[in-house]
N, C-alpha and C. Protein backbone atom coordinates (compact mmCIF):
# COMPACT_ATOMS: atom_id res chain seq x y z
N MET A 1 -1.69 124.53 -47.72
CA MET A 1 -2.71 123.62 -48.19
C MET A 1 -2.12 122.56 -49.12
N LYS A 2 -1.17 122.93 -49.94
CA LYS A 2 -0.57 121.97 -50.86
C LYS A 2 0.12 120.83 -50.12
N LYS A 3 0.81 121.15 -49.03
CA LYS A 3 1.51 120.12 -48.28
C LYS A 3 0.54 119.13 -47.66
N ILE A 4 -0.58 119.61 -47.18
CA ILE A 4 -1.57 118.73 -46.54
C ILE A 4 -2.16 117.77 -47.56
N ILE A 5 -2.41 118.21 -48.77
CA ILE A 5 -2.98 117.35 -49.81
C ILE A 5 -1.89 116.45 -50.40
N GLY A 6 -0.68 116.96 -50.56
CA GLY A 6 0.40 116.21 -51.18
C GLY A 6 0.82 114.98 -50.42
N ILE A 7 0.87 115.07 -49.10
CA ILE A 7 1.32 113.93 -48.29
C ILE A 7 0.35 112.75 -48.40
N PRO A 8 -0.96 112.94 -48.23
CA PRO A 8 -1.85 111.78 -48.39
C PRO A 8 -1.84 111.20 -49.80
N LEU A 9 -1.72 112.05 -50.82
CA LEU A 9 -1.67 111.54 -52.19
C LEU A 9 -0.41 110.73 -52.42
N PHE A 10 0.73 111.22 -51.92
CA PHE A 10 1.97 110.48 -52.05
C PHE A 10 1.88 109.15 -51.32
N THR A 11 1.35 109.15 -50.10
CA THR A 11 1.21 107.93 -49.31
C THR A 11 0.32 106.92 -50.02
N ALA A 12 -0.81 107.38 -50.54
CA ALA A 12 -1.72 106.48 -51.25
C ALA A 12 -1.06 105.90 -52.49
N ALA A 13 -0.34 106.72 -53.24
CA ALA A 13 0.34 106.25 -54.44
C ALA A 13 1.42 105.23 -54.09
N PHE A 14 2.16 105.48 -53.03
CA PHE A 14 3.23 104.58 -52.61
C PHE A 14 2.68 103.21 -52.23
N PHE A 15 1.63 103.17 -51.40
CA PHE A 15 1.08 101.90 -50.98
C PHE A 15 0.39 101.16 -52.12
N THR A 16 -0.21 101.88 -53.04
CA THR A 16 -0.82 101.25 -54.21
C THR A 16 0.25 100.60 -55.06
N ALA A 17 1.34 101.32 -55.31
CA ALA A 17 2.44 100.77 -56.10
C ALA A 17 3.06 99.56 -55.40
N ALA A 18 3.24 99.64 -54.11
CA ALA A 18 3.82 98.53 -53.35
C ALA A 18 2.91 97.30 -53.40
N PHE A 19 1.60 97.49 -53.31
CA PHE A 19 0.64 96.39 -53.36
C PHE A 19 0.70 95.68 -54.69
N PHE A 20 0.65 96.45 -55.79
CA PHE A 20 0.65 95.84 -57.12
C PHE A 20 2.00 95.22 -57.46
N THR A 21 3.09 95.81 -57.01
CA THR A 21 4.41 95.25 -57.26
C THR A 21 4.55 93.92 -56.55
N ALA A 22 4.11 93.84 -55.32
CA ALA A 22 4.21 92.60 -54.56
C ALA A 22 3.35 91.51 -55.17
N GLY A 23 2.22 91.87 -55.73
CA GLY A 23 1.32 90.89 -56.31
C GLY A 23 1.78 90.34 -57.64
N PHE A 24 2.42 91.14 -58.46
CA PHE A 24 2.76 90.72 -59.81
C PHE A 24 4.21 90.26 -59.97
N ALA A 25 5.10 90.72 -59.15
CA ALA A 25 6.50 90.36 -59.28
C ALA A 25 6.88 89.46 -58.11
N SER A 26 6.51 88.20 -58.21
CA SER A 26 6.79 87.29 -57.10
C SER A 26 8.28 86.97 -57.07
N ALA A 27 8.82 87.02 -55.89
CA ALA A 27 10.25 86.78 -55.71
C ALA A 27 10.53 85.28 -55.66
N ALA A 28 11.68 84.91 -56.16
CA ALA A 28 12.11 83.52 -56.06
C ALA A 28 12.46 83.25 -54.60
N GLN A 29 12.12 82.07 -54.12
CA GLN A 29 12.36 81.70 -52.74
C GLN A 29 13.66 80.92 -52.61
N GLU A 30 14.43 81.24 -51.57
CA GLU A 30 15.63 80.46 -51.31
C GLU A 30 15.20 79.09 -50.81
N LEU A 31 15.76 78.04 -51.40
CA LEU A 31 15.39 76.68 -51.06
C LEU A 31 16.39 76.08 -50.09
N GLN A 32 15.96 75.04 -49.40
CA GLN A 32 16.84 74.26 -48.53
C GLN A 32 17.33 73.04 -49.32
N ARG A 33 18.34 72.37 -48.86
CA ARG A 33 18.93 71.25 -49.59
C ARG A 33 17.92 70.18 -49.99
N ASP A 34 16.92 69.90 -49.17
CA ASP A 34 15.95 68.84 -49.46
C ASP A 34 14.80 69.28 -50.36
N ASP A 35 14.63 70.56 -50.59
CA ASP A 35 13.47 71.08 -51.32
C ASP A 35 13.46 70.78 -52.83
N PRO A 36 14.56 70.84 -53.56
CA PRO A 36 14.50 70.79 -55.02
C PRO A 36 14.13 69.45 -55.65
N HIS A 37 13.91 68.41 -54.88
CA HIS A 37 13.66 67.09 -55.46
C HIS A 37 12.47 67.06 -56.41
N SER A 38 11.43 67.81 -56.13
CA SER A 38 10.23 67.78 -56.97
C SER A 38 10.21 68.93 -57.99
N LEU A 39 11.28 69.72 -58.06
CA LEU A 39 11.32 70.87 -58.96
C LEU A 39 12.24 70.60 -60.14
N MET A 40 12.03 71.37 -61.22
CA MET A 40 12.85 71.22 -62.41
C MET A 40 13.97 72.25 -62.41
N LYS A 41 15.18 71.77 -62.61
CA LYS A 41 16.35 72.66 -62.69
C LYS A 41 16.29 73.42 -64.01
N ILE A 42 16.43 74.77 -63.93
CA ILE A 42 16.35 75.56 -65.16
C ILE A 42 17.62 76.34 -65.46
N GLY A 43 18.61 76.29 -64.59
CA GLY A 43 19.85 77.00 -64.88
C GLY A 43 20.67 77.31 -63.65
N ILE A 44 21.75 78.06 -63.89
CA ILE A 44 22.66 78.46 -62.83
C ILE A 44 22.97 79.94 -63.01
N VAL A 45 23.06 80.68 -61.91
CA VAL A 45 23.47 82.09 -61.96
C VAL A 45 24.63 82.29 -60.99
N SER A 46 25.36 83.37 -61.23
CA SER A 46 26.45 83.72 -60.32
C SER A 46 26.40 85.22 -60.04
N ALA A 47 26.99 85.60 -58.94
CA ALA A 47 27.06 87.01 -58.55
C ALA A 47 28.37 87.21 -57.81
N GLY A 48 28.84 88.45 -57.79
CA GLY A 48 30.10 88.71 -57.12
C GLY A 48 30.24 90.15 -56.69
N GLY A 49 31.30 90.38 -55.92
CA GLY A 49 31.59 91.72 -55.45
C GLY A 49 30.83 92.13 -54.21
N ALA A 50 30.15 91.20 -53.58
CA ALA A 50 29.37 91.52 -52.38
C ALA A 50 30.28 91.65 -51.16
N THR A 51 29.92 92.53 -50.25
CA THR A 51 30.72 92.71 -49.04
C THR A 51 30.13 91.98 -47.84
N SER A 52 28.95 91.37 -48.00
CA SER A 52 28.34 90.58 -46.93
C SER A 52 27.57 89.43 -47.54
N LEU A 53 27.32 88.41 -46.74
CA LEU A 53 26.55 87.26 -47.21
C LEU A 53 25.13 87.67 -47.55
N GLU A 54 24.57 88.59 -46.78
CA GLU A 54 23.21 89.08 -47.05
C GLU A 54 23.15 89.78 -48.41
N GLN A 55 24.15 90.58 -48.72
CA GLN A 55 24.18 91.28 -50.01
C GLN A 55 24.31 90.28 -51.16
N LEU A 56 25.15 89.26 -50.99
CA LEU A 56 25.32 88.24 -52.02
C LEU A 56 24.02 87.47 -52.23
N THR A 57 23.37 87.09 -51.15
CA THR A 57 22.09 86.38 -51.25
C THR A 57 21.06 87.22 -51.98
N SER A 58 21.03 88.51 -51.70
CA SER A 58 20.10 89.42 -52.37
C SER A 58 20.39 89.49 -53.87
N GLN A 59 21.66 89.56 -54.24
CA GLN A 59 22.03 89.59 -55.66
C GLN A 59 21.61 88.31 -56.37
N LEU A 60 21.83 87.17 -55.74
CA LEU A 60 21.44 85.89 -56.34
C LEU A 60 19.93 85.77 -56.45
N ALA A 61 19.20 86.25 -55.45
CA ALA A 61 17.73 86.22 -55.49
C ALA A 61 17.21 87.09 -56.63
N MET A 62 17.81 88.26 -56.83
CA MET A 62 17.38 89.15 -57.90
C MET A 62 17.63 88.51 -59.27
N LYS A 63 18.78 87.87 -59.44
CA LYS A 63 19.07 87.21 -60.71
C LYS A 63 18.12 86.03 -60.94
N ALA A 64 17.79 85.31 -59.88
CA ALA A 64 16.85 84.19 -60.00
C ALA A 64 15.49 84.69 -60.45
N ARG A 65 15.02 85.78 -59.86
CA ARG A 65 13.73 86.35 -60.24
C ARG A 65 13.75 86.81 -61.69
N GLU A 66 14.85 87.44 -62.12
CA GLU A 66 14.97 87.91 -63.50
C GLU A 66 14.93 86.76 -64.50
N GLU A 67 15.41 85.60 -64.09
CA GLU A 67 15.41 84.42 -64.97
C GLU A 67 14.09 83.65 -64.92
N GLY A 68 13.17 84.08 -64.07
CA GLY A 68 11.86 83.43 -63.99
C GLY A 68 11.81 82.22 -63.08
N ALA A 69 12.78 82.07 -62.21
CA ALA A 69 12.81 80.93 -61.30
C ALA A 69 11.82 81.15 -60.15
N THR A 70 11.27 80.05 -59.66
CA THR A 70 10.41 80.14 -58.47
C THR A 70 11.22 79.87 -57.21
N GLY A 71 12.40 79.26 -57.39
CA GLY A 71 13.27 78.98 -56.26
C GLY A 71 14.71 78.88 -56.69
N TYR A 72 15.61 79.04 -55.74
CA TYR A 72 17.03 78.92 -56.02
C TYR A 72 17.73 78.30 -54.82
N LEU A 73 18.80 77.59 -55.10
CA LEU A 73 19.59 76.95 -54.05
C LEU A 73 21.03 77.44 -54.20
N ILE A 74 21.54 78.11 -53.18
CA ILE A 74 22.91 78.60 -53.23
C ILE A 74 23.83 77.39 -53.13
N THR A 75 24.71 77.24 -54.12
CA THR A 75 25.57 76.06 -54.19
C THR A 75 27.02 76.33 -53.84
N GLY A 76 27.42 77.60 -53.83
CA GLY A 76 28.80 77.89 -53.48
C GLY A 76 29.02 79.36 -53.17
N VAL A 77 29.89 79.62 -52.20
CA VAL A 77 30.26 80.99 -51.84
C VAL A 77 31.76 80.98 -51.56
N THR A 78 32.49 81.93 -52.16
CA THR A 78 33.91 82.05 -51.91
C THR A 78 34.28 83.52 -51.73
N GLY A 79 35.44 83.74 -51.15
CA GLY A 79 35.95 85.10 -51.04
C GLY A 79 36.31 85.47 -49.62
N ASN A 80 37.08 86.54 -49.52
CA ASN A 80 37.47 87.09 -48.23
C ASN A 80 36.80 88.44 -48.03
N ASN A 81 37.31 89.47 -48.68
CA ASN A 81 36.72 90.80 -48.56
C ASN A 81 35.56 91.00 -49.52
N LYS A 82 35.63 90.38 -50.67
CA LYS A 82 34.55 90.43 -51.66
C LYS A 82 34.07 88.99 -51.89
N LEU A 83 32.78 88.78 -51.73
CA LEU A 83 32.21 87.44 -51.86
C LEU A 83 31.68 87.21 -53.26
N HIS A 84 31.83 85.98 -53.74
CA HIS A 84 31.30 85.53 -55.02
C HIS A 84 30.52 84.25 -54.76
N GLY A 85 29.41 84.07 -55.47
CA GLY A 85 28.62 82.88 -55.23
C GLY A 85 27.87 82.41 -56.45
N THR A 86 27.39 81.17 -56.38
CA THR A 86 26.58 80.60 -57.44
C THR A 86 25.31 80.00 -56.84
N ALA A 87 24.29 79.94 -57.67
CA ALA A 87 23.02 79.35 -57.24
C ALA A 87 22.40 78.58 -58.40
N THR A 88 21.78 77.46 -58.10
CA THR A 88 21.04 76.68 -59.08
C THR A 88 19.59 77.14 -59.03
N LEU A 89 19.01 77.37 -60.21
CA LEU A 89 17.63 77.86 -60.31
C LEU A 89 16.66 76.72 -60.57
N TYR A 90 15.47 76.84 -59.99
CA TYR A 90 14.43 75.83 -60.13
C TYR A 90 13.08 76.47 -60.45
N ARG A 91 12.26 75.71 -61.13
CA ARG A 91 10.88 76.13 -61.40
C ARG A 91 9.97 74.96 -61.13
């Protein structure tokens, strides 16, 4: 009986948490080269040690969100086995 009740409660709690997290913690959007013209530049962030471009982009997006940016533009990526990159933040 415990397993039958536990699974629906866990599922309900998970989806409730996911709904409220998505609503209150808006992610910064990756911008295209032409997008930032009407936005205000608020800073620059960097990330490193990524093994894929997707991982590096994720790290830069997380840093942009932590800084309160609504958007970010990746301005540079370097590296062979470990990637390092920079992004300009916008609000």
